[in-house]
Amino acid sequence: MSTAPLAAREFEFGDEDFEALRALVRSLTGISLGDQKRELVYGRLSRRLRALRFASFKEYRSFVAADPGELAQLVNAITTNLTAFFRERHHFDYLRDHVLRPLAAGRRAGLRLRIWSAGCSSGEEPYSIAMTVLEALAEAPRRDVRVLATDLDSDMLARARAGLYPLERLQSIGPGRLGRFFDAPHDRGAAACRVKPEVAALVTFKQLNLIHSLPMKGPLDAIFCRNTVIYFDKDTQRDLFARMAALQRPGDLLFLGHSESLFKVSTDYTLIGRTIYRRN
């Protein structure tokens, strides 16, 4: 494996460092870091070395081994949190047309609705789900409707709970949704808006490691697990989707990211649309 000259690096970072850190990340999170992620690991963890004033990754590895509290910081640094409001919009359209509108029209039995956003990052996905629910199901506040949002990254969860987003992150919302679902800044010079209480009231945020046992009981009408399992190897994916399937009934939905698939991973679901699956 080739490495950049040490003189070109701010910190010493050899093969032993990379192998030890990616083994640690996999044991903690299930994320499998290939050789091509070497520079990502260096770049993201270098910030921790600067903050802690270490001169090498060898020092940092010794510190992590002796300080369990640093493990959370390591995980937060490594995990990827690319997200946006109404990303892959066709998923929200399908949820609206095939779950929420039939429920509103009385064609779907029951008053209970449970949707899980697995890997919710900074909250854009679960809040997009909540907005879709409120648009299609006017009586949602009077029904037993909950959106469960989970993530491994504690920093992202804190941002999600705050529900405060810069205006540039809200461009995909549109003026109608922005006015209905976000409070206008009190200060005209402010550059961020907060989700309104009616949106936040539908969402519960929890920290969850997907390689651990799933604490929810189900049944879950829909699961959004998008752009998350691409970081897992096939065996980890198979185990996760088997546990997800146990939380769903025949006909319940699973939404994956645009580059993800259940091919040779799970036979518990049938593909019915663009990265949209139905529980068998």
C-alpha atoms as a PDB file:
ATOM      1  CA  MET A   1       0.000   0.000   0.000  1.00  0.00           C
ATOM      2  CA  SER A   2       1.511   3.343  -1.002  1.00  0.00           C
ATOM      3  CA  THR A   3       1.565   6.270   1.348  1.00  0.00           C
ATOM      4  CA  ALA A   4       2.317   9.953   0.963  1.00  0.00           C
ATOM      5  CA  PRO A   5       5.749  11.018   2.256  1.00  0.00           C
ATOM      6  CA  LEU A   6       5.706  11.854   5.928  1.00  0.00           C
ATOM      7  CA  ALA A   7       7.120  15.288   5.141  1.00  0.00           C
ATOM      8  CA  ALA A   8       3.935  16.064   3.217  1.00  0.00           C
ATOM      9  CA  ARG A   9       1.758  15.306   6.233  1.00  0.00           C
ATOM     10  CA  GLU A  10       1.022  17.352   9.312  1.00  0.00           C
ATOM     11  CA  PHE A  11       0.862  14.162  11.409  1.00  0.00           C
ATOM     12  CA  GLU A  12       2.573  10.796  11.203  1.00  0.00           C
ATOM     13  CA  PHE A  13       0.083   8.310   9.703  1.00  0.00           C
ATOM     14  CA  GLY A  14       1.352   4.897   8.721  1.00  0.00           C
ATOM     15  CA  ASP A  15      -0.216   1.604   7.648  1.00  0.00           C
ATOM     16  CA  GLU A  16      -0.421   0.429  11.241  1.00  0.00           C
ATOM     17  CA  ASP A  17      -2.413   3.534  12.181  1.00  0.00           C
ATOM     18  CA  PHE A  18      -4.885   3.115   9.335  1.00  0.00           C
ATOM     19  CA  GLU A  19      -5.387  -0.612   9.884  1.00  0.00           C
ATOM     20  CA  ALA A  20      -5.939  -0.154  13.620  1.00  0.00           C
ATOM     21  CA  LEU A  21      -8.369   2.728  13.183  1.00  0.00           C
ATOM     22  CA  ARG A  22     -10.475   1.109  10.496  1.00  0.00           C
ATOM     23  CA  ALA A  23     -10.680  -2.083  12.556  1.00  0.00           C
ATOM     24  CA  LEU A  24     -11.841   0.011  15.507  1.00  0.00           C
ATOM     25  CA  VAL A  25     -14.423   1.867  13.399  1.00  0.00           C
ATOM     26  CA  ARG A  26     -15.802  -1.416  12.058  1.00  0.00           C
ATOM     27  CA  SER A  27     -16.090  -2.930  15.533  1.00  0.00           C
ATOM     28  CA  LEU A  28     -17.893   0.166  16.812  1.00  0.00           C
ATOM     29  CA  THR A  29     -20.193   0.971  13.906  1.00  0.00           C
ATOM     30  CA  GLY A  30     -20.182  -1.843  11.343  1.00  0.00           C
ATOM     31  CA  ILE A  31     -18.791   0.640   8.788  1.00  0.00           C
ATOM     32  CA  SER A  32     -16.284  -1.017   6.462  1.00  0.00           C
ATOM     33  CA  LEU A  33     -13.581   1.433   5.357  1.00  0.00           C
ATOM     34  CA  GLY A  34     -11.831   0.311   2.186  1.00  0.00           C
ATOM     35  CA  ASP A  35      -8.282   1.256   1.240  1.00  0.00           C
ATOM     36  CA  GLN A  36      -9.652   4.198  -0.751  1.00  0.00           C
ATOM     37  CA  LYS A  37     -10.918   5.744   2.510  1.00  0.00           C
ATOM     38  CA  ARG A  38      -7.401   6.177   3.878  1.00  0.00           C
ATOM     39  CA  GLU A  39      -7.264   9.911   3.123  1.00  0.00           C
ATOM     40  CA  LEU A  40     -10.770  10.397   4.506  1.00  0.00           C
ATOM     41  CA  VAL A  41      -9.703   8.850   7.811  1.00  0.00           C
ATOM     42  CA  TYR A  42      -6.575  10.986   7.918  1.00  0.00           C
ATOM     43  CA  GLY A  43      -8.402  14.187   7.038  1.00  0.00           C
ATOM     44  CA  ARG A  44     -11.277  13.807   9.461  1.00  0.00           C
ATOM     45  CA  LEU A  45      -9.310  12.550  12.432  1.00  0.00           C
ATOM     46  CA  SER A  46      -6.577  15.141  11.964  1.00  0.00           C
ATOM     47  CA  ARG A  47      -9.052  17.633  13.427  1.00  0.00           C
ATOM     48  CA  ARG A  48      -9.176  15.586  16.617  1.00  0.00           C
ATOM     49  CA  LEU A  49      -5.370  15.468  16.791  1.00  0.00           C
ATOM     50  CA  ARG A  50      -5.205  19.252  16.487  1.00  0.00           C
ATOM     51  CA  ALA A  51      -7.881  19.733  19.133  1.00  0.00           C
ATOM     52  CA  LEU A  52      -6.088  17.371  21.513  1.00  0.00           C
ATOM     53  CA  ARG A  53      -2.601  18.628  20.571  1.00  0.00           C
ATOM     54  CA  PHE A  54      -1.188  15.262  19.551  1.00  0.00           C
ATOM     55  CA  ALA A  55       1.782  14.963  17.227  1.00  0.00           C
ATOM     56  CA  SER A  56       0.935  11.580  15.692  1.00  0.00           C
ATOM     57  CA  PHE A  57      -1.839   9.084  15.151  1.00  0.00           C
ATOM     58  CA  LYS A  58       0.053   6.643  17.361  1.00  0.00           C
ATOM     59  CA  GLU A  59      -0.500   9.016  20.285  1.00  0.00           C
ATOM     60  CA  TYR A  60      -4.148   9.422  19.350  1.00  0.00           C
ATOM     61  CA  ARG A  61      -4.693   5.657  19.162  1.00  0.00           C
ATOM     62  CA  SER A  62      -3.262   5.241  22.660  1.00  0.00           C
ATOM     63  CA  PHE A  63      -5.563   7.989  23.900  1.00  0.00           C
ATOM     64  CA  VAL A  64      -8.667   6.440  22.337  1.00  0.00           C
ATOM     65  CA  ALA A  65      -7.829   3.079  23.896  1.00  0.00           C
ATOM     66  CA  ALA A  66      -7.635   4.680  27.342  1.00  0.00           C
ATOM     67  CA  ASP A  67     -10.545   7.142  27.066  1.00  0.00           C
ATOM     68  CA  PRO A  68     -13.960   5.672  26.110  1.00  0.00           C
ATOM     69  CA  GLY A  69     -15.362   9.198  25.850  1.00  0.00           C
ATOM     70  CA  GLU A  70     -13.195   9.857  22.818  1.00  0.00           C
ATOM     71  CA  LEU A  71     -14.813   6.964  20.967  1.00  0.00           C
ATOM     72  CA  ALA A  72     -17.943   9.059  20.420  1.00  0.00           C
ATOM     73  CA  GLN A  73     -15.826  11.861  18.972  1.00  0.00           C
ATOM     74  CA  LEU A  74     -14.080   9.402  16.655  1.00  0.00           C
ATOM     75  CA  VAL A  75     -17.400   8.011  15.424  1.00  0.00           C
ATOM     76  CA  ASN A  76     -18.816  11.512  14.895  1.00  0.00           C
ATOM     77  CA  ALA A  77     -15.744  12.467  12.876  1.00  0.00           C
ATOM     78  CA  ILE A  78     -15.818   9.396  10.617  1.00  0.00           C
ATOM     79  CA  THR A  79     -19.541   9.155   9.832  1.00  0.00           C
ATOM     80  CA  THR A  80     -20.789  10.895   6.689  1.00  0.00           C
ATOM     81  CA  ASN A  81     -23.779  13.231   7.034  1.00  0.00           C
ATOM     82  CA  LEU A  82     -24.763  14.360   3.548  1.00  0.00           C
ATOM     83  CA  THR A  83     -28.486  15.133   3.564  1.00  0.00           C
ATOM     84  CA  ALA A  84     -31.113  17.599   2.336  1.00  0.00           C
ATOM     85  CA  PHE A  85     -34.805  18.363   2.692  1.00  0.00           C
ATOM     86  CA  PHE A  86     -36.949  16.182   0.390  1.00  0.00           C
ATOM     87  CA  ARG A  87     -33.888  14.443  -1.036  1.00  0.00           C
ATOM     88  CA  GLU A  88     -35.041  11.808  -3.561  1.00  0.00           C
ATOM     89  CA  ARG A  89     -38.445  13.445  -3.693  1.00  0.00           C
ATOM     90  CA  HIS A  90     -40.165  10.468  -5.314  1.00  0.00           C
ATOM     91  CA  HIS A  91     -39.962   8.608  -1.984  1.00  0.00           C
ATOM     92  CA  PHE A  92     -42.017  11.271  -0.234  1.00  0.00           C
ATOM     93  CA  ASP A  93     -44.497  11.333  -3.131  1.00  0.00           C
ATOM     94  CA  TYR A  94     -44.938   7.563  -2.849  1.00  0.00           C
ATOM     95  CA  LEU A  95     -45.428   7.762   0.905  1.00  0.00           C
ATOM     96  CA  ARG A  96     -48.053  10.465   0.394  1.00  0.00           C
ATOM     97  CA  ASP A  97     -49.963   8.698  -2.395  1.00  0.00           C
ATOM     98  CA  HIS A  98     -49.828   5.085  -1.175  1.00  0.00           C
ATOM     99  CA  VAL A  99     -49.852   5.382   2.620  1.00  0.00           C
ATOM    100  CA  LEU A 100     -51.016   8.786   3.814  1.00  0.00           C
ATOM    101  CA  ARG A 101     -53.831   9.605   1.400  1.00  0.00           C
ATOM    102  CA  PRO A 102     -55.429   6.145   1.718  1.00  0.00           C
ATOM    103  CA  LEU A 103     -55.230   6.583   5.490  1.00  0.00           C
ATOM    104  CA  ALA A 104     -56.871  10.015   5.249  1.00  0.00           C
ATOM    105  CA  ALA A 105     -59.627   8.653   2.991  1.00  0.00           C
ATOM    106  CA  GLY A 106     -60.379   5.760   5.309  1.00  0.00           C
ATOM    107  CA  ARG A 107     -59.155   3.145   2.833  1.00  0.00           C
ATOM    108  CA  ARG A 108     -56.402   2.102   5.232  1.00  0.00           C
ATOM    109  CA  ALA A 109     -57.439   0.781   8.631  1.00  0.00           C
ATOM    110  CA  GLY A 110     -56.327   2.120  11.979  1.00  0.00           C
ATOM    111  CA  LEU A 111     -55.306   5.397  13.551  1.00  0.00           C
ATOM    112  CA  ARG A 112     -51.713   4.395  14.302  1.00  0.00           C
ATOM    113  CA  LEU A 113     -48.821   5.283  11.991  1.00  0.00           C
ATOM    114  CA  ARG A 114     -45.125   4.653  12.645  1.00  0.00           C
ATOM    115  CA  ILE A 115     -42.293   5.726  10.316  1.00  0.00           C
ATOM    116  CA  TRP A 116     -38.604   5.261  11.072  1.00  0.00           C
ATOM    117  CA  SER A 117     -35.827   7.431   9.656  1.00  0.00           C
ATOM    118  CA  ALA A 118     -32.713   5.286  10.184  1.00  0.00           C
ATOM    119  CA  GLY A 119     -29.613   7.439   9.793  1.00  0.00           C
ATOM    120  CA  CYS A 120     -31.414  10.765  10.152  1.00  0.00           C
ATOM    121  CA  SER A 121     -28.246  12.905  10.260  1.00  0.00           C
ATOM    122  CA  SER A 122     -29.109  16.556  11.024  1.00  0.00           C
ATOM    123  CA  GLY A 123     -32.865  16.014  10.741  1.00  0.00           C
ATOM    124  CA  GLU A 124     -33.800  17.048   7.216  1.00  0.00           C
ATOM    125  CA  GLU A 125     -35.190  13.604   6.328  1.00  0.00           C
ATOM    126  CA  PRO A 126     -37.494  13.057   9.343  1.00  0.00           C
ATOM    127  CA  TYR A 127     -38.729  16.636   9.199  1.00  0.00           C
ATOM    128  CA  SER A 128     -39.474  16.141   5.473  1.00  0.00           C
ATOM    129  CA  ILE A 129     -41.471  13.035   6.433  1.00  0.00           C
ATOM    130  CA  ALA A 130     -43.339  15.005   9.115  1.00  0.00           C
ATOM    131  CA  MET A 131     -44.180  17.782   6.642  1.00  0.00           C
ATOM    132  CA  THR A 132     -45.452  15.211   4.146  1.00  0.00           C
ATOM    133  CA  VAL A 133     -47.622  13.680   6.877  1.00  0.00           C
ATOM    134  CA  LEU A 134     -49.095  17.054   7.849  1.00  0.00           C
ATOM    135  CA  GLU A 135     -49.869  17.942   4.236  1.00  0.00           C
ATOM    136  CA  ALA A 136     -51.627  14.672   3.434  1.00  0.00           C
ATOM    137  CA  LEU A 137     -53.157  13.878   6.814  1.00  0.00           C
ATOM    138  CA  ALA A 138     -54.792  17.000   8.220  1.00  0.00           C
ATOM    139  CA  GLU A 139     -55.849  15.213  11.396  1.00  0.00           C
ATOM    140  CA  ALA A 140     -52.318  13.885  12.061  1.00  0.00           C
ATOM    141  CA  PRO A 141     -52.014  15.774  15.390  1.00  0.00           C
ATOM    142  CA  ARG A 142     -55.134  13.937  16.614  1.00  0.00           C
ATOM    143  CA  ARG A 143     -53.965  10.529  15.438  1.00  0.00           C
ATOM    144  CA  ASP A 144     -51.317   8.231  16.883  1.00  0.00           C
ATOM    145  CA  VAL A 145     -48.626   9.312  14.424  1.00  0.00           C
ATOM    146  CA  ARG A 146     -44.913   9.208  15.217  1.00  0.00           C
ATOM    147  CA  VAL A 147     -41.751   9.616  13.188  1.00  0.00           C
ATOM    148  CA  LEU A 148     -38.804   7.936  14.930  1.00  0.00           C
ATOM    149  CA  ALA A 149     -35.453   9.412  13.863  1.00  0.00           C
ATOM    150  CA  THR A 150     -32.181   7.745  14.831  1.00  0.00           C
ATOM    151  CA  ASP A 151     -28.513   8.301  14.156  1.00  0.00           C
ATOM    152  CA  LEU A 152     -25.164   7.254  15.567  1.00  0.00           C
ATOM    153  CA  ASP A 153     -23.643  10.749  15.465  1.00  0.00           C
ATOM    154  CA  SER A 154     -24.476  12.635  18.664  1.00  0.00           C
ATOM    155  CA  ASP A 155     -23.466  16.002  17.171  1.00  0.00           C
ATOM    156  CA  MET A 156     -25.881  15.547  14.266  1.00  0.00           C
ATOM    157  CA  LEU A 157     -28.683  14.558  16.636  1.00  0.00           C
ATOM    158  CA  ALA A 158     -28.161  17.741  18.630  1.00  0.00           C
ATOM    159  CA  ARG A 159     -28.525  19.802  15.470  1.00  0.00           C
ATOM    160  CA  ALA A 160     -31.601  17.822  14.452  1.00  0.00           C
ATOM    161  CA  ARG A 161     -33.315  18.370  17.810  1.00  0.00           C
ATOM    162  CA  ALA A 162     -32.632  22.105  17.576  1.00  0.00           C
ATOM    163  CA  GLY A 163     -34.440  22.173  14.223  1.00  0.00           C
ATOM    164  CA  LEU A 164     -32.642  25.358  13.146  1.00  0.00           C
ATOM    165  CA  TYR A 165     -31.484  25.515   9.519  1.00  0.00           C
ATOM    166  CA  PRO A 166     -29.596  28.106   7.468  1.00  0.00           C
ATOM    167  CA  LEU A 167     -31.678  29.653   4.714  1.00  0.00           C
ATOM    168  CA  GLU A 168     -29.472  28.134   2.010  1.00  0.00           C
ATOM    169  CA  ARG A 169     -30.421  24.666   3.295  1.00  0.00           C
ATOM    170  CA  LEU A 170     -34.104  25.525   2.831  1.00  0.00           C
ATOM    171  CA  GLN A 171     -34.047  26.397  -0.863  1.00  0.00           C
ATOM    172  CA  SER A 172     -35.530  23.025  -1.813  1.00  0.00           C
ATOM    173  CA  ILE A 173     -38.512  23.590   0.488  1.00  0.00           C
ATOM    174  CA  GLY A 174     -40.343  26.169  -1.622  1.00  0.00           C
ATOM    175  CA  PRO A 175     -42.040  29.321  -0.294  1.00  0.00           C
ATOM    176  CA  GLY A 176     -45.322  27.577   0.545  1.00  0.00           C
ATOM    177  CA  ARG A 177     -43.749  24.964   2.792  1.00  0.00           C
ATOM    178  CA  LEU A 178     -41.277  27.441   4.205  1.00  0.00           C
ATOM    179  CA  GLY A 179     -44.085  29.705   5.361  1.00  0.00           C
ATOM    180  CA  ARG A 180     -46.228  26.897   6.711  1.00  0.00           C
ATOM    181  CA  PHE A 181     -43.639  24.740   8.465  1.00  0.00           C
ATOM    182  CA  PHE A 182     -40.874  27.145   9.541  1.00  0.00           C
ATOM    183  CA  ASP A 183     -40.927  30.129  11.868  1.00  0.00           C
ATOM    184  CA  ALA A 184     -39.629  33.318  10.297  1.00  0.00           C
ATOM    185  CA  PRO A 185     -36.461  34.696  11.922  1.00  0.00           C
ATOM    186  CA  HIS A 186     -37.230  37.153  14.702  1.00  0.00           C
ATOM    187  CA  ASP A 187     -34.207  39.157  13.643  1.00  0.00           C
ATOM    188  CA  ARG A 188     -34.366  40.325  10.043  1.00  0.00           C
ATOM    189  CA  GLY A 189     -30.634  39.897   9.815  1.00  0.00           C
ATOM    190  CA  ALA A 190     -30.827  36.250  10.897  1.00  0.00           C
ATOM    191  CA  ALA A 191     -29.938  33.667   8.281  1.00  0.00           C
ATOM    192  CA  ALA A 192     -31.729  30.634   9.749  1.00  0.00           C
ATOM    193  CA  CYS A 193     -35.277  29.390  10.371  1.00  0.00           C
ATOM    194  CA  ARG A 194     -36.590  26.883  12.915  1.00  0.00           C
ATOM    195  CA  VAL A 195     -39.137  24.146  12.247  1.00  0.00           C
ATOM    196  CA  LYS A 196     -42.515  24.948  13.768  1.00  0.00           C
ATOM    197  CA  PRO A 197     -43.731  23.062  16.855  1.00  0.00           C
ATOM    198  CA  GLU A 198     -46.381  21.147  14.879  1.00  0.00           C
ATOM    199  CA  VAL A 199     -43.598  19.597  12.775  1.00  0.00           C
ATOM    200  CA  ALA A 200     -41.230  18.950  15.669  1.00  0.00           C
ATOM    201  CA  ALA A 201     -44.034  17.378  17.719  1.00  0.00           C
ATOM    202  CA  LEU A 202     -44.274  14.442  15.301  1.00  0.00           C
ATOM    203  CA  VAL A 203     -40.573  13.525  15.488  1.00  0.00           C
ATOM    204  CA  THR A 204     -38.630  11.772  18.245  1.00  0.00           C
ATOM    205  CA  PHE A 205     -34.826  11.705  17.989  1.00  0.00           C
ATOM    206  CA  LYS A 206     -32.768   8.920  19.559  1.00  0.00           C
ATOM    207  CA  GLN A 207     -29.158   7.797  19.284  1.00  0.00           C
ATOM    208  CA  LEU A 208     -28.896   4.300  17.828  1.00  0.00           C
ATOM    209  CA  ASN A 209     -26.108   2.108  16.499  1.00  0.00           C
ATOM    210  CA  LEU A 210     -27.602  -0.005  13.699  1.00  0.00           C
ATOM    211  CA  ILE A 211     -25.316  -2.958  14.390  1.00  0.00           C
ATOM    212  CA  HIS A 212     -26.812  -3.275  17.872  1.00  0.00           C
ATOM    213  CA  SER A 213     -30.250  -4.694  18.718  1.00  0.00           C
ATOM    214  CA  LEU A 214     -33.146  -2.520  17.579  1.00  0.00           C
ATOM    215  CA  PRO A 215     -35.136  -1.232  20.575  1.00  0.00           C
ATOM    216  CA  MET A 216     -38.376  -0.397  18.754  1.00  0.00           C
ATOM    217  CA  LYS A 217     -41.220  -2.909  18.845  1.00  0.00           C
ATOM    218  CA  GLY A 218     -43.006  -2.178  15.594  1.00  0.00           C
ATOM    219  CA  PRO A 219     -44.893  -2.639  13.474  1.00  0.00           C
ATOM    220  CA  LEU A 220     -43.356   0.075  11.317  1.00  0.00           C
ATOM    221  CA  ASP A 221     -45.454   1.229   8.370  1.00  0.00           C
ATOM    222  CA  ALA A 222     -42.393   2.602   6.583  1.00  0.00           C
ATOM    223  CA  ILE A 223     -38.640   2.643   7.092  1.00  0.00           C
ATOM    224  CA  PHE A 224     -36.359   5.192   5.444  1.00  0.00           C
ATOM    225  CA  CYS A 225     -32.845   3.694   5.481  1.00  0.00           C
ATOM    226  CA  ARG A 226     -31.211   5.725   2.763  1.00  0.00           C
ATOM    227  CA  ASN A 227     -27.523   6.155   1.942  1.00  0.00           C
ATOM    228  CA  THR A 228     -26.592   4.333   5.143  1.00  0.00           C
ATOM    229  CA  VAL A 229     -25.931   0.676   4.341  1.00  0.00           C
ATOM    230  CA  ILE A 230     -23.491   1.517   1.538  1.00  0.00           C
ATOM    231  CA  TYR A 231     -20.899   1.724   4.324  1.00  0.00           C
ATOM    232  CA  PHE A 232     -21.659  -1.830   5.555  1.00  0.00           C
ATOM    233  CA  ASP A 233     -20.389  -5.094   4.142  1.00  0.00           C
ATOM    234  CA  LYS A 234     -22.928  -7.613   2.797  1.00  0.00           C
ATOM    235  CA  ASP A 235     -23.090  -9.729   5.944  1.00  0.00           C
ATOM    236  CA  THR A 236     -23.814  -6.664   8.083  1.00  0.00           C
ATOM    237  CA  GLN A 237     -26.467  -5.574   5.595  1.00  0.00           C
ATOM    238  CA  ARG A 238     -28.130  -8.997   5.644  1.00  0.00           C
ATOM    239  CA  ASP A 239     -28.300  -8.989   9.423  1.00  0.00           C
ATOM    240  CA  LEU A 240     -29.681  -5.441   9.575  1.00  0.00           C
ATOM    241  CA  PHE A 241     -32.424  -5.984   6.992  1.00  0.00           C
ATOM    242  CA  ALA A 242     -33.460  -9.256   8.624  1.00  0.00           C
ATOM    243  CA  ARG A 243     -33.956  -7.345  11.881  1.00  0.00           C
ATOM    244  CA  MET A 244     -35.826  -4.576  10.074  1.00  0.00           C
ATOM    245  CA  ALA A 245     -38.083  -7.084   8.339  1.00  0.00           C
ATOM    246  CA  ALA A 246     -39.057  -8.511  11.728  1.00  0.00           C
ATOM    247  CA  LEU A 247     -40.461  -5.069  12.620  1.00  0.00           C
ATOM    248  CA  GLN A 248     -42.710  -4.853   9.554  1.00  0.00           C
ATOM    249  CA  ARG A 249     -45.882  -6.515   8.299  1.00  0.00           C
ATOM    250  CA  PRO A 250     -46.582  -7.697   4.764  1.00  0.00           C
ATOM    251  CA  GLY A 251     -47.218  -4.593   2.675  1.00  0.00           C
ATOM    252  CA  ASP A 252     -45.118  -2.205   4.793  1.00  0.00           C
ATOM    253  CA  LEU A 253     -42.534  -0.122   2.955  1.00  0.00           C
ATOM    254  CA  LEU A 254     -38.752   0.218   2.932  1.00  0.00           C
ATOM    255  CA  PHE A 255     -36.999   3.113   1.170  1.00  0.00           C
ATOM    256  CA  LEU A 256     -33.294   2.844   0.270  1.00  0.00           C
ATOM    257  CA  GLY A 257     -30.815   5.328  -1.190  1.00  0.00           C
ATOM    258  CA  HIS A 258     -30.335   5.726  -4.932  1.00  0.00           C
ATOM    259  CA  SER A 259     -27.147   3.607  -4.973  1.00  0.00           C
ATOM    260  CA  GLU A 260     -28.401   0.867  -2.639  1.00  0.00           C
ATOM    261  CA  SER A 261     -30.091  -2.448  -3.366  1.00  0.00           C
ATOM    262  CA  LEU A 262     -31.342  -5.585  -1.633  1.00  0.00           C
ATOM    263  CA  PHE A 263     -30.064  -7.796  -4.461  1.00  0.00           C
ATOM    264  CA  LYS A 264     -28.453 -10.861  -2.828  1.00  0.00           C
ATOM    265  CA  VAL A 265     -29.027  -9.202   0.548  1.00  0.00           C
ATOM    266  CA  SER A 266     -32.657  -9.887   1.501  1.00  0.00           C
ATOM    267  CA  THR A 267     -35.582 -11.909   0.156  1.00  0.00           C
ATOM    268  CA  ASP A 268     -37.994 -10.410   2.694  1.00  0.00           C
ATOM    269  CA  TYR A 269     -38.815  -7.505   0.377  1.00  0.00           C
ATOM    270  CA  THR A 270     -39.947  -7.012  -3.217  1.00  0.00           C
ATOM    271  CA  LEU A 271     -38.794  -4.067  -5.341  1.00  0.00           C
ATOM    272  CA  ILE A 272     -41.851  -2.035  -6.414  1.00  0.00           C
ATOM    273  CA  GLY A 273     -40.321   1.267  -7.556  1.00  0.00           C
ATOM    274  CA  ARG A 274     -37.095   3.255  -7.658  1.00  0.00           C
ATOM    275  CA  THR A 275     -35.369   1.971  -4.483  1.00  0.00           C
ATOM    276  CA  ILE A 276     -38.820   1.370  -2.964  1.00  0.00           C
ATOM    277  CA  TYR A 277     -39.470  -2.066  -1.451  1.00  0.00           C
ATOM    278  CA  ARG A 278     -42.555  -3.772  -0.029  1.00  0.00           C
ATOM    279  CA  ARG A 279     -42.374  -6.281   2.811  1.00  0.00           C
ATOM    280  CA  ASN A 280     -43.421  -9.743   1.578  1.00  0.00           C
END
